[in-house]
Amino acid sequence: MIKFLKIRWKNFLSYGNAFTEIDLTKNKSTLIIGQNGAGKSTMLDALSYALFAKPHRNIIKNQLPNSINQKNCVVEAEFSAGRSLYKIVRSIKPTKFEIWKDGEMLNQSYHSKDYQKILEQNILKLNHKSFHQVIVLGSSSFIPFMQLPARHRRNVIEDLLDINVFSKMNIILREKTSILKDEIKELSYNLEIANNRVSTQKKYIQDVKQLTDQNIESKNKEIDEARTAIDDLVIKNSDMTKELEELAPQNKIDLKESSDKKTDILHKQARLRSSIETLVKNAKFYEDNSNCPTCEQTITEDFRANKIKLTKEEAKALSDDMNILRDAAADVEDKLSKASTIASKLATIQNDITNNNKEVERLTRLVKKTLDEITTDSVKDLNEAKTELENIIESVTEANDQKAKANEQYSYNLAMSEMLKDTGIKTKIIKQYLPVMNTLVNQYLQVLDFYVHFDLDEEFNETIRSRHRDVFTYDSFSEGEKQRIDLSLLFTWRQIAKMKNSVSTNLLILDETFDSSLDHDGVENLLKILNTLGDGTNIFVISHKGEILNGKFDDTIEFKKERNFSKIAA
């Protein structure tokens, strides 16, 4: 229950710089009187502005500060909710909005709109419309329940029955459903991509496998060619080795014998040349000399001739030997040339064998490497591709699970949304309360001497029947009759709020209600209703016809205006 305790204001509308304060719990009933323009309804404007940042009447914000002082416009309202005491402070020039709970100001880090939501939804649990339907009945800027659009009527009833939480839940649920819908859309998109990746990966594996098979076939061909080449080289080496084995030993002997013979011949030729040179020298000596150069004796002609003859004969013999040696040298040189040719051929064969062995080693390594590639690289590529496919399929399965859960949650949300719609749970609750509402409205109408049967349907459209069962609408009646309906609804809403304990409050303010269309009986009947309200209700009646209501209230507060400022009369 909300229990309003005090309202105070200064520099608000026609009031000056000193606070004006009204204790809202001092008396059960209070009459507020004063001349037109004295500031009687300012109390209602101040309370409405403090709670909702909107005055009761249609006054723009810039007109709320006193037109003379034009600053330090302050409104404060105190009330209790549950076990906590609250104080709301609003000011204009400077702007201020504070919510105090049990002496401590609530966190102001929120945006002002969010701060206001906290006040209305979490503390007051009523909004501006509900405030005017349950607490206030006035002629100025007041829209009676029956003149509200159907949607606004429903909002008022939902506040009274405290079922607007379902609307809030539905808003939150719609937001979550919207997010979930986007999530499902994204999951579907991701699934489509993943499925495309699966197809692409499968094709890639087929291509890799095909390439692998082709590659293996190509490499096996390389291996076969290499092995054939190895076999050919081995055969060639075998043949060449056999030839080496056959020719090399004899060639080695031939080379040695020929070389030795050549050396021997060369030595002999050298000796023969030396001997020939000596003979030629001796012959020339006897030819050129007739006396001995050593003993100076004369050399005879016979001796000289004999010596020359012997020398020539010996030289001829040596020349013959030299010719023989030349022939032998030519023969040896021929044999040595043939042996050298064979040796060169054998060296070439040996070099070919060595090169062939190297090529065999290279081809053997190539075969081993190619075999490793066949058994390792190709298989590795294929295995990696298959592993990647498994990972993609796993992600698809996971995404399918997520989508299935999201779709399931989406279905639940749609079902809950149907329940939270106006035609769902709220309508069932309203159906339960409608008979009570209609009964209470008709009871209050009878107290106010208005004998019609009033019914609201689930859409809060009215059906009004007279005793003769004639059907009317709200607009069919006079202003006085309309006001009786408005009063009946006001008291009904208060009674429903008290039963539901949603926006139950101690405060009831009637602004010029007695001054408008009620006749004398209507006034008396309204007073009867007011007197039947419980002790926990504090009634304020604002009127400029105090003479009609004088003595009918526990207390009277008079407002007056002095020097252009409103104040409470002493």
Protein backbone atom coordinates (compact mmCIF):
# COMPACT_ATOMS: atom_id res chain seq x y z
CA MET A 1 0.00 0.00 0.00
CA ILE A 2 1.13 3.54 -0.83
CA LYS A 3 0.52 5.95 2.03
CA PHE A 4 1.01 9.57 1.02
CA LEU A 5 2.29 11.63 3.95
CA LYS A 6 3.21 15.17 2.89
CA ILE A 7 3.38 17.46 -0.10
CA ARG A 8 5.33 20.72 -0.03
CA TRP A 9 6.31 23.23 -2.68
CA LYS A 10 7.76 26.70 -3.28
CA ASN A 11 8.08 29.01 -6.27
CA PHE A 12 5.60 26.64 -7.93
CA LEU A 13 2.95 28.35 -10.06
CA SER A 14 1.55 31.24 -8.00
CA TYR A 15 3.40 30.37 -4.75
CA GLY A 16 6.39 32.30 -3.44
CA ASN A 17 9.83 31.44 -2.10
CA ALA A 18 8.58 30.00 1.24
CA PHE A 19 7.55 26.34 1.39
CA THR A 20 3.83 25.58 1.53
CA GLU A 21 3.23 22.19 3.18
CA ILE A 22 0.16 20.02 3.58
CA ASP A 23 0.04 17.02 5.89
CA LEU A 24 -1.90 14.43 3.90
CA THR A 25 -2.65 12.17 6.90
CA LYS A 26 -3.71 14.75 9.50
CA ASN A 27 -7.47 14.26 9.01
CA LYS A 28 -9.72 11.73 7.39
CA SER A 29 -11.49 14.42 5.37
CA THR A 30 -10.31 17.90 4.46
CA LEU A 31 -12.09 20.61 2.51
CA ILE A 32 -9.88 22.93 0.48
CA ILE A 33 -11.54 26.21 -0.37
CA GLY A 34 -10.64 29.55 -1.90
CA GLN A 35 -11.53 31.96 -4.61
CA ASN A 36 -10.88 31.19 -8.25
CA GLY A 37 -7.14 31.63 -8.91
CA ALA A 38 -6.25 31.38 -5.21
CA GLY A 39 -4.15 28.22 -5.85
CA LYS A 40 -6.46 25.49 -4.49
CA SER A 41 -5.63 22.95 -7.24
CA THR A 42 -1.90 23.66 -6.96
CA MET A 43 -1.72 20.93 -4.31
CA LEU A 44 -2.88 18.42 -6.93
CA ASP A 45 -0.52 19.84 -9.57
CA ALA A 46 2.39 19.69 -7.13
CA LEU A 47 1.69 16.08 -6.15
CA SER A 48 1.28 14.99 -9.77
CA TYR A 49 4.48 16.82 -10.79
CA ALA A 50 6.48 15.38 -7.91
CA LEU A 51 5.46 11.83 -8.78
CA PHE A 52 5.30 11.93 -12.58
CA ALA A 53 7.02 15.16 -13.71
CA LYS A 54 3.62 16.19 -15.11
CA PRO A 55 1.16 18.60 -13.47
CA HIS A 56 -2.47 17.60 -13.09
CA ARG A 57 -3.60 20.36 -15.41
CA ASN A 58 -2.36 21.08 -18.93
CA ILE A 59 0.46 23.42 -17.96
CA ILE A 60 3.75 23.37 -19.83
CA LYS A 61 6.92 22.93 -17.80
CA ASN A 62 8.26 26.45 -18.47
CA GLN A 63 5.14 27.91 -16.87
CA LEU A 64 5.52 25.97 -13.60
CA PRO A 65 8.18 28.21 -11.93
CA ASN A 66 6.71 31.29 -10.33
CA SER A 67 6.60 34.02 -12.99
CA ILE A 68 8.01 36.62 -10.55
CA ASN A 69 10.89 34.70 -8.93
CA GLN A 70 11.46 32.48 -12.03
CA LYS A 71 13.83 30.09 -10.22
CA ASN A 72 14.22 27.63 -7.33
CA CYS A 73 10.91 25.94 -8.16
CA VAL A 74 10.86 22.96 -5.78
CA VAL A 75 8.27 20.23 -5.15
CA GLU A 76 8.69 17.51 -2.51
CA ALA A 77 6.43 14.55 -1.79
CA GLU A 78 6.77 12.06 1.06
CA PHE A 79 5.10 8.67 1.20
CA SER A 80 5.61 5.19 2.56
CA ALA A 81 5.56 1.99 0.56
CA GLY A 82 5.70 -1.19 2.57
CA ARG A 83 8.14 -0.60 5.42
CA SER A 84 10.18 2.04 3.59
CA LEU A 85 9.84 5.81 3.72
CA TYR A 86 10.33 7.67 0.44
CA LYS A 87 10.87 11.29 -0.44
CA ILE A 88 10.73 12.64 -3.99
CA VAL A 89 12.42 15.95 -4.76
CA ARG A 90 12.02 17.76 -8.08
CA SER A 91 13.13 21.24 -8.94
CA ILE A 92 13.26 23.55 -11.94
CA LYS A 93 16.00 26.16 -12.35
CA PRO A 94 18.09 24.35 -11.30
CA THR A 95 16.80 20.99 -12.56
CA LYS A 96 16.84 18.24 -9.96
CA PHE A 97 15.22 14.84 -9.58
CA GLU A 98 16.03 12.80 -6.46
CA ILE A 99 14.52 9.69 -4.92
CA TRP A 100 15.31 9.18 -1.24
CA LYS A 101 14.65 5.90 0.52
CA ASP A 102 14.90 5.78 4.32
CA GLY A 103 17.13 8.84 4.31
CA GLU A 104 19.47 7.67 1.55
CA MET A 105 19.33 8.88 -2.04
CA LEU A 106 18.99 6.16 -4.67
CA ASN A 107 21.68 5.81 -7.31
CA GLN A 108 21.34 8.57 -9.92
CA SER A 109 23.58 6.92 -12.52
CA TYR A 110 20.46 6.06 -14.54
CA HIS A 111 19.08 8.22 -17.32
CA SER A 112 16.23 10.41 -16.01
CA LYS A 113 13.67 8.31 -17.95
CA ASP A 114 14.99 5.11 -16.39
CA TYR A 115 15.04 6.81 -12.98
CA GLN A 116 11.36 7.69 -13.50
CA LYS A 117 10.61 4.08 -14.50
CA ILE A 118 12.11 2.89 -11.22
CA LEU A 119 9.82 5.26 -9.35
CA GLU A 120 6.67 4.26 -11.25
CA GLN A 121 7.24 0.53 -11.78
CA ASN A 122 9.21 -0.55 -8.72
CA ILE A 123 8.06 1.88 -6.01
CA LEU A 124 4.67 3.48 -6.78
CA LYS A 125 3.50 0.68 -9.08
CA LEU A 126 1.18 3.07 -10.86
CA ASN A 127 1.54 5.50 -13.72
CA HIS A 128 0.05 8.91 -14.43
CA LYS A 129 -3.15 7.47 -15.91
CA SER A 130 -3.69 5.06 -13.01
CA PHE A 131 -3.02 7.89 -10.55
CA HIS A 132 -5.88 9.90 -12.04
CA GLN A 133 -8.25 6.92 -12.14
CA VAL A 134 -7.69 5.76 -8.54
CA ILE A 135 -6.62 8.82 -6.56
CA VAL A 136 -8.00 11.83 -8.39
CA LEU A 137 -11.39 12.81 -9.74
CA GLY A 138 -11.33 16.30 -11.12
CA SER A 139 -12.89 18.49 -13.72
CA SER A 140 -9.71 20.13 -14.95
CA SER A 141 -7.56 18.18 -17.41
CA PHE A 142 -9.17 14.98 -16.18
CA ILE A 143 -10.21 12.28 -18.64
CA PRO A 144 -12.80 9.97 -17.05
CA PHE A 145 -12.34 6.23 -17.53
CA MET A 146 -15.26 6.02 -19.92
CA GLN A 147 -13.71 8.67 -22.18
CA LEU A 148 -10.39 6.89 -22.46
CA PRO A 149 -9.58 4.88 -25.61
CA ALA A 150 -10.05 1.12 -25.18
CA ARG A 151 -6.28 0.55 -25.04
CA HIS A 152 -5.86 3.10 -22.23
CA ARG A 153 -8.82 1.63 -20.35
CA ARG A 154 -7.12 -1.73 -20.46
CA ASN A 155 -3.85 -0.23 -19.20
CA VAL A 156 -5.66 1.24 -16.20
CA ILE A 157 -7.29 -2.08 -15.35
CA GLU A 158 -4.00 -3.95 -15.80
CA ASP A 159 -2.36 -1.53 -13.35
CA LEU A 160 -5.21 -2.00 -10.88
CA LEU A 161 -5.01 -5.79 -11.10
CA ASP A 162 -1.22 -5.67 -11.12
CA ILE A 163 -1.13 -7.76 -14.28
CA ASN A 164 0.81 -5.29 -16.39
CA VAL A 165 3.79 -7.42 -15.40
CA PHE A 166 2.57 -9.80 -18.10
CA SER A 167 2.78 -6.96 -20.64
CA LYS A 168 6.32 -6.22 -19.48
CA MET A 169 7.11 -9.91 -19.66
CA ASN A 170 5.67 -9.98 -23.16
CA ILE A 171 7.82 -7.02 -24.21
CA ILE A 172 10.93 -8.72 -22.80
CA LEU A 173 9.86 -11.99 -24.41
CA ARG A 174 9.37 -10.26 -27.78
CA GLU A 175 12.86 -8.79 -27.51
CA LYS A 176 14.29 -12.20 -26.64
CA THR A 177 12.28 -13.82 -29.43
CA SER A 178 13.55 -11.22 -31.88
CA ILE A 179 17.11 -11.91 -30.78
CA LEU A 180 16.40 -15.65 -30.99
CA LYS A 181 14.95 -15.21 -34.47
CA ASP A 182 18.12 -13.41 -35.56
CA GLU A 183 20.16 -16.17 -33.93
CA ILE A 184 18.20 -18.85 -35.82
CA LYS A 185 18.69 -16.88 -39.03
CA GLU A 186 22.42 -16.65 -38.38
CA LEU A 187 22.59 -20.36 -37.46
CA SER A 188 20.74 -21.23 -40.67
CA TYR A 189 23.17 -19.10 -42.64
CA ASN A 190 26.13 -20.71 -40.89
CA LEU A 191 24.62 -24.16 -41.47
CA GLU A 192 24.21 -23.43 -45.16
CA ILE A 193 27.84 -22.33 -45.33
CA ALA A 194 28.96 -25.39 -43.34
CA ASN A 195 26.96 -27.77 -45.58
CA ASN A 196 28.50 -26.11 -48.61
CA ARG A 197 31.89 -26.64 -47.00
CA VAL A 198 31.06 -30.32 -46.47
CA SER A 199 30.19 -30.70 -50.15
CA THR A 200 33.29 -28.78 -51.17
CA GLN A 201 35.49 -30.83 -48.83
CA LYS A 202 34.06 -34.12 -50.11
CA LYS A 203 34.76 -33.03 -53.67
CA TYR A 204 38.22 -31.95 -52.58
CA ILE A 205 38.83 -35.39 -51.04
CA GLN A 206 37.71 -37.04 -54.27
CA ASP A 207 40.03 -34.76 -56.20
CA VAL A 208 42.87 -35.41 -53.76
CA LYS A 209 42.23 -39.16 -53.96
CA GLN A 210 42.15 -38.98 -57.75
CA LEU A 211 45.28 -36.87 -57.80
CA THR A 212 46.84 -39.21 -55.27
CA ASP A 213 46.05 -42.23 -57.41
CA GLN A 214 47.41 -40.44 -60.45
CA ASN A 215 50.41 -39.31 -58.47
CA ILE A 216 51.05 -42.84 -57.17
CA GLU A 217 50.69 -44.20 -60.68
CA SER A 218 53.13 -41.58 -61.96
CA LYS A 219 55.56 -42.23 -59.15
CA ASN A 220 55.29 -46.01 -59.63
CA LYS A 221 56.12 -45.41 -63.26
CA GLU A 222 59.14 -43.36 -62.17
CA ILE A 223 60.13 -46.18 -59.82
CA ASP A 224 59.78 -48.79 -62.58
CA GLU A 225 61.83 -46.65 -64.94
CA ALA A 226 64.46 -46.10 -62.28
CA ARG A 227 64.61 -49.82 -61.47
CA THR A 228 64.88 -50.68 -65.18
CA ALA A 229 67.69 -48.16 -65.51
CA ILE A 230 69.39 -49.67 -62.46
CA ASP A 231 69.09 -53.14 -63.93
CA ASP A 232 70.54 -51.93 -67.25
CA LEU A 233 73.42 -50.22 -65.49
CA VAL A 234 74.11 -53.27 -63.38
CA ILE A 235 74.24 -55.44 -66.51
CA LYS A 236 76.51 -52.95 -68.25
CA ASN A 237 78.76 -52.77 -65.22
CA SER A 238 78.83 -56.54 -65.07
CA ASP A 239 79.86 -56.76 -68.71
CA MET A 240 82.44 -54.01 -68.35
CA THR A 241 83.80 -55.56 -65.16
CA LYS A 242 84.15 -58.87 -66.93
CA GLU A 243 86.01 -57.15 -69.77
CA LEU A 244 88.26 -55.44 -67.26
CA GLU A 245 88.95 -58.68 -65.55
CA GLU A 246 89.86 -60.26 -68.89
CA LEU A 247 92.06 -57.45 -70.32
CA ALA A 248 93.51 -55.63 -67.38
CA PRO A 249 96.00 -58.25 -66.09
CA GLN A 250 97.58 -58.95 -69.54
CA ASN A 251 97.51 -55.28 -70.40
CA LYS A 252 99.34 -54.54 -67.23
CA ILE A 253 102.01 -57.14 -68.17
CA ASP A 254 102.24 -55.86 -71.73
CA LEU A 255 102.63 -52.30 -70.57
CA LYS A 256 105.35 -53.27 -68.12
CA GLU A 257 107.25 -55.45 -70.62
CA SER A 258 106.97 -52.83 -73.36
CA SER A 259 108.00 -50.09 -70.98
CA ASP A 260 110.94 -52.14 -69.73
CA LYS A 261 112.04 -53.04 -73.29
CA LYS A 262 111.71 -49.43 -74.36
CA THR A 263 113.81 -48.34 -71.43
CA ASP A 264 116.43 -51.00 -72.18
CA ILE A 265 116.57 -50.00 -75.86
CA LEU A 266 116.88 -46.37 -74.93
CA HIS A 267 119.79 -47.20 -72.64
CA LYS A 268 121.49 -49.27 -75.37
CA GLN A 269 120.88 -46.54 -77.92
CA ALA A 270 122.47 -44.06 -75.59
CA ARG A 271 125.55 -46.23 -75.14
CA LEU A 272 125.84 -46.83 -78.89
CA ARG A 273 125.56 -43.10 -79.56
CA SER A 274 128.24 -42.45 -77.00
CA SER A 275 130.49 -45.09 -78.60
CA ILE A 276 129.82 -43.75 -82.09
CA GLU A 277 130.60 -40.24 -80.97
CA THR A 278 133.91 -41.49 -79.49
CA LEU A 279 134.80 -43.32 -82.70
CA VAL A 280 133.91 -40.30 -84.78
CA LYS A 281 136.06 -38.18 -82.54
CA ASN A 282 139.00 -40.63 -82.78
CA ALA A 283 138.67 -40.91 -86.58
CA LYS A 284 138.61 -37.16 -86.90
CA PHE A 285 141.72 -36.99 -84.68
CA TYR A 286 143.73 -39.27 -86.96
CA GLU A 287 142.39 -37.47 -89.98
CA ASP A 288 143.33 -34.05 -88.66
CA ASN A 289 146.64 -34.83 -86.85
CA SER A 290 149.98 -36.31 -88.10
CA ASN A 291 151.81 -35.72 -84.81
CA CYS A 292 150.84 -36.87 -81.34
CA PRO A 293 149.82 -33.82 -79.35
CA THR A 294 150.99 -35.45 -76.16
CA CYS A 295 154.47 -36.85 -77.06
CA GLU A 296 154.89 -34.80 -80.22
CA GLN A 297 156.03 -37.95 -82.15
CA THR A 298 155.05 -38.28 -85.78
CA ILE A 299 152.19 -40.58 -86.59
CA THR A 300 152.82 -42.69 -89.61
CA GLU A 301 150.50 -42.82 -92.49
CA ASP A 302 150.03 -46.52 -92.25
CA PHE A 303 149.24 -46.29 -88.60
CA ARG A 304 146.83 -43.46 -89.29
CA ALA A 305 145.21 -45.27 -92.17
CA ASN A 306 144.94 -48.44 -90.16
CA LYS A 307 143.40 -46.60 -87.22
CA ILE A 308 140.96 -44.80 -89.48
CA LYS A 309 140.02 -48.07 -91.15
CA LEU A 310 139.50 -49.85 -87.86
CA THR A 311 137.48 -46.94 -86.55
CA LYS A 312 135.25 -46.94 -89.59
CA GLU A 313 134.70 -50.66 -89.38
CA GLU A 314 133.87 -50.42 -85.71
CA ALA A 315 131.60 -47.42 -86.42
CA LYS A 316 129.82 -49.39 -89.10
CA ALA A 317 129.29 -52.26 -86.69
CA LEU A 318 127.87 -49.84 -84.12
CA SER A 319 125.68 -48.27 -86.80
CA ASP A 320 124.27 -51.64 -87.66
CA ASP A 321 123.54 -52.30 -84.00
CA MET A 322 121.83 -48.87 -83.82
CA ASN A 323 119.62 -49.81 -86.77
CA ILE A 324 118.74 -53.07 -85.09
CA LEU A 325 117.86 -51.15 -81.95
CA ARG A 326 115.77 -48.72 -83.99
CA ASP A 327 113.73 -51.56 -85.42
CA ALA A 328 113.34 -53.08 -81.97
CA ALA A 329 112.34 -49.68 -80.58
CA ALA A 330 109.72 -49.25 -83.30
CA ASP A 331 108.35 -52.69 -82.54
CA VAL A 332 108.29 -51.96 -78.79
CA GLU A 333 106.74 -48.55 -79.43
CA ASP A 334 103.99 -50.21 -81.44
CA LYS A 335 103.32 -52.72 -78.69
CA LEU A 336 103.41 -49.95 -76.08
CA SER A 337 100.93 -47.85 -78.11
CA LYS A 338 98.57 -50.79 -78.40
CA ALA A 339 98.88 -51.50 -74.68
CA SER A 340 98.31 -47.79 -73.89
CA THR A 341 95.23 -47.76 -76.08
CA ILE A 342 93.89 -50.78 -74.26
CA ALA A 343 94.79 -49.16 -70.91
CA SER A 344 92.95 -45.97 -71.93
CA LYS A 345 89.96 -48.06 -72.93
CA LEU A 346 90.10 -49.91 -69.62
CA ALA A 347 90.29 -46.57 -67.74
CA THR A 348 87.24 -45.38 -69.65
CA ILE A 349 85.44 -48.58 -68.76
CA GLN A 350 86.41 -48.17 -65.13
CA ASN A 351 85.19 -44.57 -65.17
CA ASP A 352 81.92 -45.68 -66.77
CA ILE A 353 81.54 -48.34 -64.10
CA THR A 354 82.13 -45.73 -61.39
CA ASN A 355 79.64 -43.32 -62.96
CA ASN A 356 77.15 -46.11 -63.40
CA ASN A 357 77.53 -47.06 -59.74
CA LYS A 358 76.87 -43.47 -58.77
CA GLU A 359 73.79 -43.39 -61.00
CA VAL A 360 72.64 -46.66 -59.46
CA GLU A 361 73.00 -45.11 -56.01
CA ARG A 362 71.09 -42.00 -57.13
CA LEU A 363 68.31 -44.05 -58.68
CA THR A 364 68.16 -46.25 -55.58
CA ARG A 365 67.72 -43.16 -53.41
CA LEU A 366 65.09 -41.86 -55.83
CA VAL A 367 63.18 -45.13 -55.60
CA LYS A 368 63.28 -45.01 -51.79
CA LYS A 369 62.21 -41.36 -51.71
CA THR A 370 59.38 -41.96 -54.16
CA LEU A 371 58.21 -44.96 -52.17
CA ASP A 372 58.22 -42.79 -49.03
CA GLU A 373 56.20 -40.12 -50.87
CA ILE A 374 53.70 -42.74 -51.96
CA THR A 375 53.31 -44.15 -48.47
CA THR A 376 53.62 -40.87 -46.54
CA ASP A 377 52.89 -37.59 -48.34
CA SER A 378 49.94 -38.74 -50.43
CA VAL A 379 48.34 -40.57 -47.53
CA LYS A 380 49.06 -37.60 -45.28
CA ASP A 381 47.30 -35.18 -47.64
CA LEU A 382 44.31 -37.46 -47.88
CA ASN A 383 44.18 -38.02 -44.12
CA GLU A 384 44.38 -34.29 -43.46
CA ALA A 385 41.53 -33.68 -45.86
CA LYS A 386 39.44 -36.40 -44.18
CA THR A 387 40.21 -34.99 -40.72
CA GLU A 388 39.13 -31.54 -41.90
CA LEU A 389 35.90 -33.06 -43.25
CA GLU A 390 35.24 -34.72 -39.89
CA ASN A 391 35.74 -31.38 -38.13
CA ILE A 392 33.34 -29.65 -40.52
CA ILE A 393 30.72 -32.40 -40.08
CA GLU A 394 31.12 -32.08 -36.31
CA SER A 395 30.54 -28.31 -36.54
CA VAL A 396 27.46 -28.96 -38.70
CA THR A 397 26.12 -31.39 -36.10
CA GLU A 398 26.77 -28.87 -33.34
CA ALA A 399 25.12 -26.08 -35.35
CA ASN A 400 22.12 -28.35 -36.05
CA ASP A 401 21.82 -29.04 -32.32
CA GLN A 402 22.01 -25.33 -31.56
CA LYS A 403 19.43 -24.56 -34.22
CA ALA A 404 17.14 -27.31 -32.94
CA LYS A 405 17.40 -25.90 -29.40
CA ALA A 406 16.87 -22.37 -30.70
CA ASN A 407 13.82 -23.49 -32.72
CA GLU A 408 12.48 -25.32 -29.69
CA GLN A 409 12.98 -22.21 -27.54
CA TYR A 410 11.41 -20.12 -30.30
CA SER A 411 8.34 -22.38 -30.23
CA TYR A 412 8.19 -22.07 -26.44
CA ASN A 413 8.50 -18.30 -26.74
CA LEU A 414 5.67 -18.16 -29.28
CA ALA A 415 3.52 -20.25 -26.98
CA MET A 416 4.37 -18.04 -24.01
CA SER A 417 3.77 -14.96 -26.13
CA GLU A 418 0.28 -16.23 -26.93
CA MET A 419 -0.29 -16.66 -23.20
CA LEU A 420 1.03 -13.17 -22.43
CA LYS A 421 -1.02 -11.42 -25.09
CA ASP A 422 -4.08 -9.44 -24.15
CA THR A 423 -6.19 -12.46 -25.14
CA GLY A 424 -4.18 -14.81 -22.91
CA ILE A 425 -3.59 -14.93 -19.17
CA LYS A 426 -4.54 -11.28 -18.63
CA THR A 427 -7.94 -11.80 -20.20
CA LYS A 428 -8.60 -14.80 -17.96
CA ILE A 429 -7.69 -12.75 -14.89
CA ILE A 430 -9.78 -9.82 -16.09
CA LYS A 431 -12.72 -12.22 -16.70
CA GLN A 432 -12.55 -13.26 -13.06
CA TYR A 433 -12.64 -9.67 -11.85
CA LEU A 434 -15.16 -8.27 -14.33
CA PRO A 435 -18.25 -9.56 -12.42
CA VAL A 436 -16.89 -8.00 -9.21
CA MET A 437 -16.16 -4.72 -11.01
CA ASN A 438 -19.62 -4.57 -12.56
CA THR A 439 -21.28 -5.45 -9.24
CA LEU A 440 -19.39 -2.69 -7.41
CA VAL A 441 -20.11 -0.10 -10.11
CA ASN A 442 -23.84 -0.87 -9.95
CA GLN A 443 -23.84 -0.72 -6.13
CA TYR A 444 -22.23 2.75 -6.18
CA LEU A 445 -24.62 3.88 -8.92
CA GLN A 446 -27.57 2.90 -6.72
CA VAL A 447 -26.09 4.79 -3.77
CA LEU A 448 -25.83 7.80 -6.07
CA ASP A 449 -29.52 7.34 -7.02
CA PHE A 450 -28.73 6.38 -10.59
CA TYR A 451 -30.73 3.27 -11.29
CA VAL A 452 -29.28 1.74 -14.41
CA HIS A 453 -27.55 -1.56 -14.99
CA PHE A 454 -23.94 -0.97 -16.03
CA ASP A 455 -21.77 -3.69 -17.61
CA LEU A 456 -18.22 -3.66 -18.96
CA ASP A 457 -17.17 -6.45 -21.31
CA GLU A 458 -13.73 -7.95 -21.76
CA GLU A 459 -12.78 -5.14 -24.16
CA PHE A 460 -14.07 -2.60 -21.58
CA ASN A 461 -16.86 -1.45 -23.79
CA GLU A 462 -19.92 -0.47 -21.78
CA THR A 463 -23.49 -1.67 -22.00
CA ILE A 464 -25.94 0.44 -19.96
CA ARG A 465 -29.55 -0.63 -19.60
CA SER A 466 -32.40 1.20 -17.94
CA ARG A 467 -35.07 -0.46 -15.86
CA HIS A 468 -37.03 -0.85 -19.06
CA ARG A 469 -34.05 -2.63 -20.63
CA ASP A 470 -33.37 0.23 -23.00
CA VAL A 471 -29.75 0.20 -24.10
CA PHE A 472 -27.63 3.32 -23.67
CA THR A 473 -24.04 4.36 -23.96
CA TYR A 474 -22.04 6.63 -21.69
CA ASP A 475 -22.38 9.51 -24.14
CA SER A 476 -26.16 9.16 -24.03
CA PHE A 477 -26.36 10.69 -20.52
CA SER A 478 -26.26 14.18 -19.12
CA GLU A 479 -23.14 15.58 -17.49
CA GLY A 480 -24.55 14.92 -14.01
CA GLU A 481 -25.32 11.31 -14.90
CA LYS A 482 -21.91 10.89 -16.48
CA GLN A 483 -20.33 12.17 -13.30
CA ARG A 484 -22.26 9.62 -11.26
CA ILE A 485 -20.82 6.91 -13.53
CA ASP A 486 -17.34 8.43 -13.17
CA LEU A 487 -17.63 8.50 -9.38
CA SER A 488 -18.90 4.93 -9.29
CA LEU A 489 -15.95 3.81 -11.40
CA LEU A 490 -13.52 5.78 -9.23
CA PHE A 491 -14.72 4.12 -6.04
CA THR A 492 -14.86 0.76 -7.79
CA TRP A 493 -11.25 1.07 -8.91
CA ARG A 494 -10.20 2.00 -5.39
CA GLN A 495 -12.07 -0.97 -4.01
CA ILE A 496 -10.55 -3.32 -6.59
CA ALA A 497 -7.08 -1.90 -5.88
CA LYS A 498 -7.64 -2.48 -2.18
CA MET A 499 -8.81 -6.04 -2.82
CA LYS A 500 -5.86 -6.71 -5.11
CA ASN A 501 -3.49 -4.62 -2.98
CA SER A 502 -1.85 -3.41 -6.18
CA VAL A 503 -2.17 0.37 -6.10
CA SER A 504 -4.02 0.65 -2.85
CA THR A 505 -3.54 4.09 -1.30
CA ASN A 506 -4.78 6.30 1.50
CA LEU A 507 -5.28 9.36 -0.65
CA LEU A 508 -8.42 10.45 -2.49
CA ILE A 509 -8.65 13.90 -4.09
CA LEU A 510 -11.86 15.29 -5.58
CA ASP A 511 -11.13 18.44 -7.56
CA GLU A 512 -14.28 20.59 -7.92
CA THR A 513 -16.35 17.45 -8.18
CA PHE A 514 -19.04 18.96 -5.91
CA ASP A 515 -18.99 22.16 -7.94
CA SER A 516 -19.93 20.69 -11.30
CA SER A 517 -22.91 18.70 -12.39
CA LEU A 518 -24.04 16.99 -9.20
CA ASP A 519 -27.44 18.01 -7.87
CA HIS A 520 -28.27 18.24 -4.17
CA ASP A 521 -29.12 14.54 -3.91
CA GLY A 522 -26.00 13.63 -5.79
CA VAL A 523 -23.90 15.67 -3.35
CA GLU A 524 -25.52 14.02 -0.36
CA ASN A 525 -25.11 10.57 -1.81
CA LEU A 526 -21.46 11.24 -2.63
CA LEU A 527 -20.87 12.37 0.93
CA LYS A 528 -22.46 9.12 2.09
CA ILE A 529 -19.97 7.16 0.02
CA LEU A 530 -17.08 9.24 1.33
CA ASN A 531 -18.17 8.63 4.89
CA THR A 532 -18.25 4.87 4.28
CA LEU A 533 -14.59 4.81 3.25
CA GLY A 534 -12.29 3.22 5.81
CA ASP A 535 -10.28 5.10 8.42
CA GLY A 536 -7.19 4.52 6.33
CA THR A 537 -8.46 6.90 3.65
CA ASN A 538 -7.53 10.60 3.64
CA ILE A 539 -9.98 12.58 1.53
CA PHE A 540 -9.31 16.03 0.10
CA VAL A 541 -12.14 17.87 -1.58
CA ILE A 542 -11.17 20.98 -3.55
CA SER A 543 -14.09 23.37 -4.00
CA HIS A 544 -14.86 27.07 -4.35
CA LYS A 545 -18.37 26.48 -2.98
CA GLY A 546 -17.49 26.10 0.65
CA GLU A 547 -20.92 27.23 1.80
CA ILE A 548 -22.47 24.06 0.40
CA LEU A 549 -19.98 21.76 2.12
CA ASN A 550 -19.32 23.72 5.29
CA GLY A 551 -19.29 21.53 8.37
CA LYS A 552 -19.25 18.29 6.44
CA PHE A 553 -15.46 17.68 6.73
CA ASP A 554 -13.04 17.17 9.60
CA ASP A 555 -10.85 20.08 8.57
CA THR A 556 -10.86 23.00 6.19
CA ILE A 557 -7.87 24.63 4.49
CA GLU A 558 -8.38 27.98 2.86
CA PHE A 559 -6.07 29.36 0.18
CA LYS A 560 -5.86 33.01 -0.65
CA LYS A 561 -3.76 35.33 -2.75
CA GLU A 562 -1.80 38.28 -1.40
CA ARG A 563 0.46 40.52 -3.48
CA ASN A 564 0.25 38.10 -6.41
CA PHE A 565 1.41 35.13 -4.26
CA SER A 566 -0.82 32.28 -3.09
CA LYS A 567 -0.68 31.05 0.49
CA ILE A 568 -2.63 29.16 3.12
CA ALA A 569 -4.80 31.49 5.11
CA ALA A 570 -3.93 31.62 8.81
